[in-house]
Amino acid sequence: MIFGAKDVYTILKDQVAGNIKSLYSEQEIDTSLRWLLENTTEISQVDILLNKKIKLSEVQYQHLEQSVQRMNQEEPIQYILGECEFYGRKFIVNPNVLIPRGETEELVQFVIEQHHQSSQLSILDIGTGSGCIAITLAKELPNVKVWALDSSPEAIAIARQNAIELDTSVNFLTTDILSDYPQLTTLDIVVSNPPYVLNSEMRAMRQNVIKYEPSEALFVEDADPLLFYRRISELCIQEFSNVKEVYFEVNEHFAWQVATLMMESGFSSANVKSDIHCRERFVIARRYV
């Protein structure tokens, strides 16, 4: 079947349900459809603008229509495509792992900026999910040793697959830090984007997150919002005695509480950092060992 690229885009956009158009901005829908076209047919934005003639097989056309129907069920486009870009690289994702966000790229950038000339460092990523933090650090800081852990065997399987696809050496562990601790002693840096969204905040979130992304990687009880930060600080003091720096992504409403917790745990300093939207989303703690 021969189509104009713009015509294909228009057909698909007309199939986007009204509820999706009311939930997402025009730009979000446009971006999702362009990703879908590029992934399925290699149609680019320029092709759409020029209405370039393209040939679609029946299988490709059916796949496009089925993908839009999944979008209409509020399934994230990243899960539909099976991939997500993070720090300029494509990572495999599915509902067993969180979709990497831009804020987490900023967290990684803090580590890279501080240690781009460092060597012989050992880094642990706690709650690795897709492995995006650990793998990116291993790629960008080639002279460091990177470990990554998660309580979910399914997440670790995805992370391992991403490491293979991106030709990266990362040591993966399946460990629930709330009930156990990894058999690691010599660590310099801990990085973590742990669950930090309160259960009470769920009602304000989009259904595409609540319905499809793993809740155990997102939410904590309102009664104990610092659960994971407290446990990680305990591990750093009691088990990882050589850790000099900890980099956290945090709930913006609890950034200063996390910083205070780190200071009270024995760290020498704890600084709150804002993201590009001026939200207090990161805590960087240091100590002299």
C-alpha atoms as a PDB file:
ATOM      1  CA  MET A   1       0.000   0.000   0.000  1.00  0.00           C
ATOM      2  CA  ILE A   2       1.348   3.435  -0.994  1.00  0.00           C
ATOM      3  CA  PHE A   3       0.572   6.387   1.272  1.00  0.00           C
ATOM      4  CA  GLY A   4       1.690   9.915   1.828  1.00  0.00           C
ATOM      5  CA  ALA A   5       3.521  10.099   5.177  1.00  0.00           C
ATOM      6  CA  LYS A   6       1.367  13.044   6.276  1.00  0.00           C
ATOM      7  CA  ASP A   7      -1.768  11.150   5.286  1.00  0.00           C
ATOM      8  CA  VAL A   8      -0.751   8.185   7.474  1.00  0.00           C
ATOM      9  CA  TYR A   9      -0.145  10.539  10.391  1.00  0.00           C
ATOM     10  CA  THR A  10      -3.567  12.176   9.868  1.00  0.00           C
ATOM     11  CA  ILE A  11      -5.337   8.799   9.707  1.00  0.00           C
ATOM     12  CA  LEU A  12      -3.734   7.700  12.972  1.00  0.00           C
ATOM     13  CA  LYS A  13      -4.451  10.987  14.702  1.00  0.00           C
ATOM     14  CA  ASP A  14      -8.107  10.738  13.727  1.00  0.00           C
ATOM     15  CA  GLN A  15      -8.178   7.364  15.507  1.00  0.00           C
ATOM     16  CA  VAL A  16      -6.943   8.839  18.800  1.00  0.00           C
ATOM     17  CA  ALA A  17      -9.888   8.686  21.195  1.00  0.00           C
ATOM     18  CA  GLY A  18     -11.491  11.800  22.605  1.00  0.00           C
ATOM     19  CA  ASN A  19     -10.572  10.912  26.180  1.00  0.00           C
ATOM     20  CA  ILE A  20      -6.885  10.771  25.212  1.00  0.00           C
ATOM     21  CA  LYS A  21      -7.124  14.134  23.445  1.00  0.00           C
ATOM     22  CA  SER A  22      -8.577  15.617  26.626  1.00  0.00           C
ATOM     23  CA  LEU A  23      -5.873  14.105  28.852  1.00  0.00           C
ATOM     24  CA  TYR A  24      -2.817  14.927  26.775  1.00  0.00           C
ATOM     25  CA  SER A  25      -1.621  18.070  25.071  1.00  0.00           C
ATOM     26  CA  GLU A  26      -1.466  18.346  21.312  1.00  0.00           C
ATOM     27  CA  GLN A  27       2.325  18.201  21.527  1.00  0.00           C
ATOM     28  CA  GLU A  28       2.292  14.988  23.611  1.00  0.00           C
ATOM     29  CA  ILE A  29      -0.025  13.252  21.130  1.00  0.00           C
ATOM     30  CA  ASP A  30       2.034  14.488  18.191  1.00  0.00           C
ATOM     31  CA  THR A  31       5.259  13.242  19.782  1.00  0.00           C
ATOM     32  CA  SER A  32       3.771   9.818  20.554  1.00  0.00           C
ATOM     33  CA  LEU A  33       2.507   9.370  17.003  1.00  0.00           C
ATOM     34  CA  ARG A  34       5.837  10.443  15.517  1.00  0.00           C
ATOM     35  CA  TRP A  35       7.675   7.960  17.763  1.00  0.00           C
ATOM     36  CA  LEU A  36       5.244   5.274  16.644  1.00  0.00           C
ATOM     37  CA  LEU A  37       5.752   6.047  12.957  1.00  0.00           C
ATOM     38  CA  GLU A  38       9.536   6.224  13.282  1.00  0.00           C
ATOM     39  CA  ASN A  39       9.646   2.964  15.226  1.00  0.00           C
ATOM     40  CA  THR A  40       7.354   1.031  12.887  1.00  0.00           C
ATOM     41  CA  THR A  41       8.109   2.486   9.466  1.00  0.00           C
ATOM     42  CA  GLU A  42      11.131   4.805   9.855  1.00  0.00           C
ATOM     43  CA  ILE A  43       8.947   7.716   8.780  1.00  0.00           C
ATOM     44  CA  SER A  44      10.607  10.908  10.037  1.00  0.00           C
ATOM     45  CA  GLN A  45       9.088  14.269  10.950  1.00  0.00           C
ATOM     46  CA  VAL A  46      10.519  15.694   7.723  1.00  0.00           C
ATOM     47  CA  ASP A  47       8.792  12.917   5.757  1.00  0.00           C
ATOM     48  CA  ILE A  48       5.504  13.919   7.382  1.00  0.00           C
ATOM     49  CA  LEU A  49       6.010  17.602   6.622  1.00  0.00           C
ATOM     50  CA  LEU A  50       6.858  16.804   2.988  1.00  0.00           C
ATOM     51  CA  ASN A  51       4.126  14.147   2.767  1.00  0.00           C
ATOM     52  CA  LYS A  52       6.710  11.785   1.312  1.00  0.00           C
ATOM     53  CA  LYS A  53       5.309   8.744  -0.483  1.00  0.00           C
ATOM     54  CA  ILE A  54       5.916   5.555   1.491  1.00  0.00           C
ATOM     55  CA  LYS A  55       5.061   1.896   1.137  1.00  0.00           C
ATOM     56  CA  LEU A  56       3.405   0.150   4.071  1.00  0.00           C
ATOM     57  CA  SER A  57       2.782  -3.545   4.300  1.00  0.00           C
ATOM     58  CA  GLU A  58      -0.537  -4.807   5.582  1.00  0.00           C
ATOM     59  CA  VAL A  59       1.247  -6.016   8.729  1.00  0.00           C
ATOM     60  CA  GLN A  60       2.789  -2.591   9.356  1.00  0.00           C
ATOM     61  CA  TYR A  61      -0.528  -0.817   8.868  1.00  0.00           C
ATOM     62  CA  GLN A  62      -2.309  -3.187  11.248  1.00  0.00           C
ATOM     63  CA  HIS A  63       0.468  -2.735  13.802  1.00  0.00           C
ATOM     64  CA  LEU A  64       0.057   1.050  13.640  1.00  0.00           C
ATOM     65  CA  GLU A  65      -3.697   0.803  14.164  1.00  0.00           C
ATOM     66  CA  GLN A  66      -3.306  -1.672  17.038  1.00  0.00           C
ATOM     67  CA  SER A  67      -0.731   0.599  18.668  1.00  0.00           C
ATOM     68  CA  VAL A  68      -3.122   3.557  18.541  1.00  0.00           C
ATOM     69  CA  GLN A  69      -5.793   1.407  20.156  1.00  0.00           C
ATOM     70  CA  ARG A  70      -3.343   0.676  22.970  1.00  0.00           C
ATOM     71  CA  MET A  71      -2.730   4.408  23.279  1.00  0.00           C
ATOM     72  CA  ASN A  72      -6.498   4.832  23.590  1.00  0.00           C
ATOM     73  CA  GLN A  73      -6.367   2.548  26.633  1.00  0.00           C
ATOM     74  CA  GLU A  74      -3.885   5.046  28.130  1.00  0.00           C
ATOM     75  CA  GLU A  75      -0.953   2.665  27.815  1.00  0.00           C
ATOM     76  CA  PRO A  76       2.298   4.670  27.724  1.00  0.00           C
ATOM     77  CA  ILE A  77       3.823   4.948  24.270  1.00  0.00           C
ATOM     78  CA  GLN A  78       7.156   3.745  25.711  1.00  0.00           C
ATOM     79  CA  TYR A  79       5.611   0.401  26.671  1.00  0.00           C
ATOM     80  CA  ILE A  80       3.885   0.145  23.307  1.00  0.00           C
ATOM     81  CA  LEU A  81       7.210   0.666  21.535  1.00  0.00           C
ATOM     82  CA  GLY A  82       9.104  -1.393  24.101  1.00  0.00           C
ATOM     83  CA  GLU A  83      11.799   1.241  24.443  1.00  0.00           C
ATOM     84  CA  CYS A  84      12.596   4.637  25.896  1.00  0.00           C
ATOM     85  CA  GLU A  85      15.438   7.081  25.315  1.00  0.00           C
ATOM     86  CA  PHE A  86      17.602   7.990  28.294  1.00  0.00           C
ATOM     87  CA  TYR A  87      20.739  10.101  28.122  1.00  0.00           C
ATOM     88  CA  GLY A  88      20.886   9.653  24.349  1.00  0.00           C
ATOM     89  CA  ARG A  89      20.562   5.860  24.428  1.00  0.00           C
ATOM     90  CA  LYS A  90      17.596   3.552  23.869  1.00  0.00           C
ATOM     91  CA  PHE A  91      16.609   1.314  26.763  1.00  0.00           C
ATOM     92  CA  ILE A  92      14.242  -1.639  26.647  1.00  0.00           C
ATOM     93  CA  VAL A  93      11.239  -1.057  28.919  1.00  0.00           C
ATOM     94  CA  ASN A  94       8.092  -2.962  29.816  1.00  0.00           C
ATOM     95  CA  PRO A  95       5.588  -2.793  32.707  1.00  0.00           C
ATOM     96  CA  ASN A  96       8.096  -4.532  35.001  1.00  0.00           C
ATOM     97  CA  VAL A  97      10.186  -1.344  35.126  1.00  0.00           C
ATOM     98  CA  LEU A  98       9.516   2.356  35.454  1.00  0.00           C
ATOM     99  CA  ILE A  99       9.756   4.528  32.368  1.00  0.00           C
ATOM    100  CA  PRO A 100      12.929   6.626  32.797  1.00  0.00           C
ATOM    101  CA  ARG A 101      12.246  10.330  33.319  1.00  0.00           C
ATOM    102  CA  GLY A 102      14.135  13.498  32.551  1.00  0.00           C
ATOM    103  CA  GLU A 103      14.669  14.218  36.250  1.00  0.00           C
ATOM    104  CA  THR A 104      16.650  10.996  36.558  1.00  0.00           C
ATOM    105  CA  GLU A 105      18.871  12.128  33.698  1.00  0.00           C
ATOM    106  CA  GLU A 106      19.633  15.187  35.808  1.00  0.00           C
ATOM    107  CA  LEU A 107      20.513  12.954  38.772  1.00  0.00           C
ATOM    108  CA  VAL A 108      22.940  11.023  36.585  1.00  0.00           C
ATOM    109  CA  GLN A 109      24.415  14.261  35.271  1.00  0.00           C
ATOM    110  CA  PHE A 110      25.312  15.374  38.807  1.00  0.00           C
ATOM    111  CA  VAL A 111      27.409  12.218  39.255  1.00  0.00           C
ATOM    112  CA  ILE A 112      29.052  12.524  35.842  1.00  0.00           C
ATOM    113  CA  GLU A 113      29.938  16.185  36.327  1.00  0.00           C
ATOM    114  CA  GLN A 114      31.551  15.433  39.682  1.00  0.00           C
ATOM    115  CA  HIS A 115      33.461  12.335  38.584  1.00  0.00           C
ATOM    116  CA  HIS A 116      34.165  12.579  34.850  1.00  0.00           C
ATOM    117  CA  GLN A 117      37.891  12.523  35.592  1.00  0.00           C
ATOM    118  CA  SER A 118      37.744   9.986  38.410  1.00  0.00           C
ATOM    119  CA  SER A 119      38.994   6.420  38.206  1.00  0.00           C
ATOM    120  CA  GLN A 120      38.984   3.325  40.379  1.00  0.00           C
ATOM    121  CA  LEU A 121      35.588   4.214  41.830  1.00  0.00           C
ATOM    122  CA  SER A 122      32.924   1.710  42.823  1.00  0.00           C
ATOM    123  CA  ILE A 123      29.292   2.832  42.395  1.00  0.00           C
ATOM    124  CA  LEU A 124      26.083   1.146  43.542  1.00  0.00           C
ATOM    125  CA  ASP A 125      22.681   1.960  41.996  1.00  0.00           C
ATOM    126  CA  ILE A 126      19.878   0.957  44.375  1.00  0.00           C
ATOM    127  CA  GLY A 127      16.503   0.244  42.740  1.00  0.00           C
ATOM    128  CA  THR A 128      17.929   0.024  39.244  1.00  0.00           C
ATOM    129  CA  GLY A 129      14.723  -0.855  37.340  1.00  0.00           C
ATOM    130  CA  SER A 130      15.619  -0.740  33.639  1.00  0.00           C
ATOM    131  CA  GLY A 131      19.258  -0.195  34.572  1.00  0.00           C
ATOM    132  CA  CYS A 132      19.260   3.276  33.020  1.00  0.00           C
ATOM    133  CA  ILE A 133      21.232   4.907  35.858  1.00  0.00           C
ATOM    134  CA  ALA A 134      23.816   2.157  36.294  1.00  0.00           C
ATOM    135  CA  ILE A 135      24.371   1.561  32.583  1.00  0.00           C
ATOM    136  CA  THR A 136      24.647   5.270  31.789  1.00  0.00           C
ATOM    137  CA  LEU A 137      27.200   5.779  34.549  1.00  0.00           C
ATOM    138  CA  ALA A 138      29.187   2.776  33.312  1.00  0.00           C
ATOM    139  CA  LYS A 139      29.158   4.185  29.763  1.00  0.00           C
ATOM    140  CA  GLU A 140      29.989   7.761  30.731  1.00  0.00           C
ATOM    141  CA  LEU A 141      32.540   6.891  33.441  1.00  0.00           C
ATOM    142  CA  PRO A 142      34.436   3.988  31.871  1.00  0.00           C
ATOM    143  CA  ASN A 143      37.055   3.741  34.616  1.00  0.00           C
ATOM    144  CA  VAL A 144      34.581   2.921  37.377  1.00  0.00           C
ATOM    145  CA  LYS A 145      33.031  -0.333  38.569  1.00  0.00           C
ATOM    146  CA  VAL A 146      29.240  -0.246  38.723  1.00  0.00           C
ATOM    147  CA  TRP A 147      26.888  -2.443  40.728  1.00  0.00           C
ATOM    148  CA  ALA A 148      23.105  -2.332  40.469  1.00  0.00           C
ATOM    149  CA  LEU A 149      20.402  -3.981  42.535  1.00  0.00           C
ATOM    150  CA  ASP A 150      16.642  -4.305  42.564  1.00  0.00           C
ATOM    151  CA  SER A 151      14.172  -6.368  44.558  1.00  0.00           C
ATOM    152  CA  SER A 152      12.380  -7.429  41.359  1.00  0.00           C
ATOM    153  CA  PRO A 153      13.865 -10.365  39.402  1.00  0.00           C
ATOM    154  CA  GLU A 154      11.840  -9.232  36.377  1.00  0.00           C
ATOM    155  CA  ALA A 155      13.398  -5.764  36.545  1.00  0.00           C
ATOM    156  CA  ILE A 156      16.886  -7.224  36.875  1.00  0.00           C
ATOM    157  CA  ALA A 157      16.228  -9.343  33.768  1.00  0.00           C
ATOM    158  CA  ILE A 158      15.370  -6.192  31.784  1.00  0.00           C
ATOM    159  CA  ALA A 159      18.409  -4.356  33.169  1.00  0.00           C
ATOM    160  CA  ARG A 160      20.696  -7.235  32.190  1.00  0.00           C
ATOM    161  CA  GLN A 161      19.224  -7.225  28.699  1.00  0.00           C
ATOM    162  CA  ASN A 162      19.836  -3.483  28.397  1.00  0.00           C
ATOM    163  CA  ALA A 163      23.435  -3.923  29.529  1.00  0.00           C
ATOM    164  CA  ILE A 164      23.954  -6.547  26.827  1.00  0.00           C
ATOM    165  CA  GLU A 165      22.295  -4.438  24.140  1.00  0.00           C
ATOM    166  CA  LEU A 166      24.404  -1.416  25.092  1.00  0.00           C
ATOM    167  CA  ASP A 167      27.598  -3.460  25.478  1.00  0.00           C
ATOM    168  CA  THR A 168      28.111  -2.374  29.080  1.00  0.00           C
ATOM    169  CA  SER A 169      29.678  -4.099  32.059  1.00  0.00           C
ATOM    170  CA  VAL A 170      27.456  -3.790  35.155  1.00  0.00           C
ATOM    171  CA  ASN A 171      27.205  -6.224  38.062  1.00  0.00           C
ATOM    172  CA  PHE A 172      23.537  -6.936  38.882  1.00  0.00           C
ATOM    173  CA  LEU A 173      22.071  -8.197  42.158  1.00  0.00           C
ATOM    174  CA  THR A 174      18.527  -9.178  43.126  1.00  0.00           C
ATOM    175  CA  THR A 175      18.163  -7.887  46.684  1.00  0.00           C
ATOM    176  CA  ASP A 176      15.399  -6.336  48.785  1.00  0.00           C
ATOM    177  CA  ILE A 177      17.263  -3.769  50.865  1.00  0.00           C
ATOM    178  CA  LEU A 178      14.392  -3.530  53.363  1.00  0.00           C
ATOM    179  CA  SER A 179      14.951  -7.104  54.495  1.00  0.00           C
ATOM    180  CA  ASP A 180      18.511  -7.834  53.440  1.00  0.00           C
ATOM    181  CA  TYR A 181      21.681  -6.137  52.303  1.00  0.00           C
ATOM    182  CA  PRO A 182      24.015  -6.804  49.375  1.00  0.00           C
ATOM    183  CA  GLN A 183      27.340  -8.480  50.068  1.00  0.00           C
ATOM    184  CA  LEU A 184      29.339  -5.418  49.114  1.00  0.00           C
ATOM    185  CA  THR A 185      31.846  -3.642  51.308  1.00  0.00           C
ATOM    186  CA  THR A 186      34.061  -1.468  49.118  1.00  0.00           C
ATOM    187  CA  LEU A 187      31.840   1.242  47.662  1.00  0.00           C
ATOM    188  CA  ASP A 188      32.576   4.905  47.013  1.00  0.00           C
ATOM    189  CA  ILE A 189      29.226   6.183  45.750  1.00  0.00           C
ATOM    190  CA  VAL A 190      25.572   5.188  46.136  1.00  0.00           C
ATOM    191  CA  VAL A 191      22.967   6.479  43.681  1.00  0.00           C
ATOM    192  CA  SER A 192      19.257   5.851  44.083  1.00  0.00           C
ATOM    193  CA  ASN A 193      15.887   6.846  42.703  1.00  0.00           C
ATOM    194  CA  PRO A 194      13.786   4.883  45.223  1.00  0.00           C
ATOM    195  CA  PRO A 195       9.985   4.834  45.632  1.00  0.00           C
ATOM    196  CA  TYR A 196       8.968   8.244  46.978  1.00  0.00           C
ATOM    197  CA  VAL A 197       5.438   9.061  45.764  1.00  0.00           C
ATOM    198  CA  LEU A 198       2.937   9.030  48.639  1.00  0.00           C
ATOM    199  CA  ASN A 199      -0.087   6.763  48.289  1.00  0.00           C
ATOM    200  CA  SER A 200      -2.247   9.845  48.874  1.00  0.00           C
ATOM    201  CA  GLU A 201      -0.657  11.514  45.825  1.00  0.00           C
ATOM    202  CA  MET A 202      -1.892   8.706  43.602  1.00  0.00           C
ATOM    203  CA  ARG A 203      -5.250  10.362  42.992  1.00  0.00           C
ATOM    204  CA  ALA A 204      -3.551  13.324  41.291  1.00  0.00           C
ATOM    205  CA  MET A 205      -1.553  11.154  38.900  1.00  0.00           C
ATOM    206  CA  ARG A 206      -2.455  10.172  35.378  1.00  0.00           C
ATOM    207  CA  GLN A 207      -4.022   6.785  34.827  1.00  0.00           C
ATOM    208  CA  ASN A 208      -1.294   5.771  32.381  1.00  0.00           C
ATOM    209  CA  VAL A 209       1.115   5.750  35.330  1.00  0.00           C
ATOM    210  CA  ILE A 210      -1.195   4.124  37.882  1.00  0.00           C
ATOM    211  CA  LYS A 211      -2.512   1.419  35.534  1.00  0.00           C
ATOM    212  CA  TYR A 212       0.713   0.405  33.843  1.00  0.00           C
ATOM    213  CA  GLU A 213       3.873   1.291  35.771  1.00  0.00           C
ATOM    214  CA  PRO A 214       4.985  -0.941  38.687  1.00  0.00           C
ATOM    215  CA  SER A 215       3.467   0.479  41.875  1.00  0.00           C
ATOM    216  CA  GLU A 216       6.156  -1.049  44.092  1.00  0.00           C
ATOM    217  CA  ALA A 217       8.731   1.132  42.328  1.00  0.00           C
ATOM    218  CA  LEU A 218       6.679   4.290  42.783  1.00  0.00           C
ATOM    219  CA  PHE A 219       4.738   4.463  46.016  1.00  0.00           C
ATOM    220  CA  VAL A 220       5.396   4.575  49.758  1.00  0.00           C
ATOM    221  CA  GLU A 221       3.031   4.740  52.713  1.00  0.00           C
ATOM    222  CA  ASP A 222       2.108   8.248  53.819  1.00  0.00           C
ATOM    223  CA  ALA A 223       3.080   7.317  57.369  1.00  0.00           C
ATOM    224  CA  ASP A 224       6.701   6.641  56.385  1.00  0.00           C
ATOM    225  CA  PRO A 225       7.708   8.697  53.330  1.00  0.00           C
ATOM    226  CA  LEU A 226      11.438   8.436  54.082  1.00  0.00           C
ATOM    227  CA  LEU A 227      11.435   4.649  54.415  1.00  0.00           C
ATOM    228  CA  PHE A 228      13.947   3.930  51.657  1.00  0.00           C
ATOM    229  CA  TYR A 229      16.164   6.927  52.357  1.00  0.00           C
ATOM    230  CA  ARG A 230      16.462   5.917  55.990  1.00  0.00           C
ATOM    231  CA  ARG A 231      17.316   2.329  55.090  1.00  0.00           C
ATOM    232  CA  ILE A 232      19.907   3.404  52.533  1.00  0.00           C
ATOM    233  CA  SER A 233      21.510   5.782  55.030  1.00  0.00           C
ATOM    234  CA  GLU A 234      21.669   2.917  57.545  1.00  0.00           C
ATOM    235  CA  LEU A 235      23.348   0.676  54.991  1.00  0.00           C
ATOM    236  CA  CYS A 236      25.883   3.375  54.177  1.00  0.00           C
ATOM    237  CA  ILE A 237      26.818   3.801  57.821  1.00  0.00           C
ATOM    238  CA  GLN A 238      26.625   0.171  58.954  1.00  0.00           C
ATOM    239  CA  GLU A 239      27.570  -1.900  55.908  1.00  0.00           C
ATOM    240  CA  PHE A 240      29.067   0.337  53.213  1.00  0.00           C
ATOM    241  CA  SER A 241      31.546   2.026  55.509  1.00  0.00           C
ATOM    242  CA  ASN A 242      33.673   3.433  52.672  1.00  0.00           C
ATOM    243  CA  VAL A 243      30.839   5.307  50.921  1.00  0.00           C
ATOM    244  CA  LYS A 244      31.785   8.951  50.492  1.00  0.00           C
ATOM    245  CA  GLU A 245      28.831  10.271  48.486  1.00  0.00           C
ATOM    246  CA  VAL A 246      25.135   9.516  48.087  1.00  0.00           C
ATOM    247  CA  TYR A 247      23.012  10.915  45.247  1.00  0.00           C
ATOM    248  CA  PHE A 248      19.236  10.752  45.704  1.00  0.00           C
ATOM    249  CA  GLU A 249      16.220  11.637  43.595  1.00  0.00           C
ATOM    250  CA  VAL A 250      13.479  12.698  46.025  1.00  0.00           C
ATOM    251  CA  ASN A 251       9.898  13.832  46.405  1.00  0.00           C
ATOM    252  CA  GLU A 252      10.110  17.622  46.225  1.00  0.00           C
ATOM    253  CA  HIS A 253       8.002  17.909  49.396  1.00  0.00           C
ATOM    254  CA  PHE A 254      10.547  15.955  51.449  1.00  0.00           C
ATOM    255  CA  ALA A 255      13.896  17.106  50.083  1.00  0.00           C
ATOM    256  CA  TRP A 256      14.966  18.934  53.237  1.00  0.00           C
ATOM    257  CA  GLN A 257      13.776  16.104  55.434  1.00  0.00           C
ATOM    258  CA  VAL A 258      15.959  13.696  53.455  1.00  0.00           C
ATOM    259  CA  ALA A 259      18.911  16.087  53.770  1.00  0.00           C
ATOM    260  CA  THR A 260      18.383  16.331  57.534  1.00  0.00           C
ATOM    261  CA  LEU A 261      18.147  12.550  57.775  1.00  0.00           C
ATOM    262  CA  MET A 262      21.501  12.158  56.027  1.00  0.00           C
ATOM    263  CA  MET A 263      23.162  14.662  58.343  1.00  0.00           C
ATOM    264  CA  GLU A 264      21.716  12.967  61.413  1.00  0.00           C
ATOM    265  CA  SER A 265      22.931   9.613  60.074  1.00  0.00           C
ATOM    266  CA  GLY A 266      26.532  10.790  60.115  1.00  0.00           C
ATOM    267  CA  PHE A 267      27.159  12.478  56.776  1.00  0.00           C
ATOM    268  CA  SER A 268      29.268  15.637  56.798  1.00  0.00           C
ATOM    269  CA  SER A 269      27.059  17.582  54.393  1.00  0.00           C
ATOM    270  CA  ALA A 270      23.766  17.201  52.560  1.00  0.00           C
ATOM    271  CA  ASN A 271      22.758  19.621  49.826  1.00  0.00           C
ATOM    272  CA  VAL A 272      19.361  19.991  48.171  1.00  0.00           C
ATOM    273  CA  LYS A 273      19.425  20.557  44.411  1.00  0.00           C
ATOM    274  CA  SER A 274      16.635  21.696  42.108  1.00  0.00           C
ATOM    275  CA  ASP A 275      15.714  20.310  38.700  1.00  0.00           C
ATOM    276  CA  ILE A 276      15.349  22.392  35.544  1.00  0.00           C
ATOM    277  CA  HIS A 277      11.798  23.262  36.624  1.00  0.00           C
ATOM    278  CA  CYS A 278      13.082  24.714  39.923  1.00  0.00           C
ATOM    279  CA  ARG A 279      11.634  21.867  41.992  1.00  0.00           C
ATOM    280  CA  GLU A 280      13.741  20.528  44.858  1.00  0.00           C
ATOM    281  CA  ARG A 281      14.225  17.011  43.534  1.00  0.00           C
ATOM    282  CA  PHE A 282      17.719  15.905  44.535  1.00  0.00           C
ATOM    283  CA  VAL A 283      19.826  15.457  47.640  1.00  0.00           C
ATOM    284  CA  ILE A 284      23.593  14.986  47.504  1.00  0.00           C
ATOM    285  CA  ALA A 285      25.220  13.871  50.767  1.00  0.00           C
ATOM    286  CA  ARG A 286      28.944  13.591  51.442  1.00  0.00           C
ATOM    287  CA  ARG A 287      31.135  12.412  54.279  1.00  0.00           C
ATOM    288  CA  TYR A 288      34.806  12.016  55.041  1.00  0.00           C
ATOM    289  CA  VAL A 289      35.892   8.407  55.649  1.00  0.00           C
END
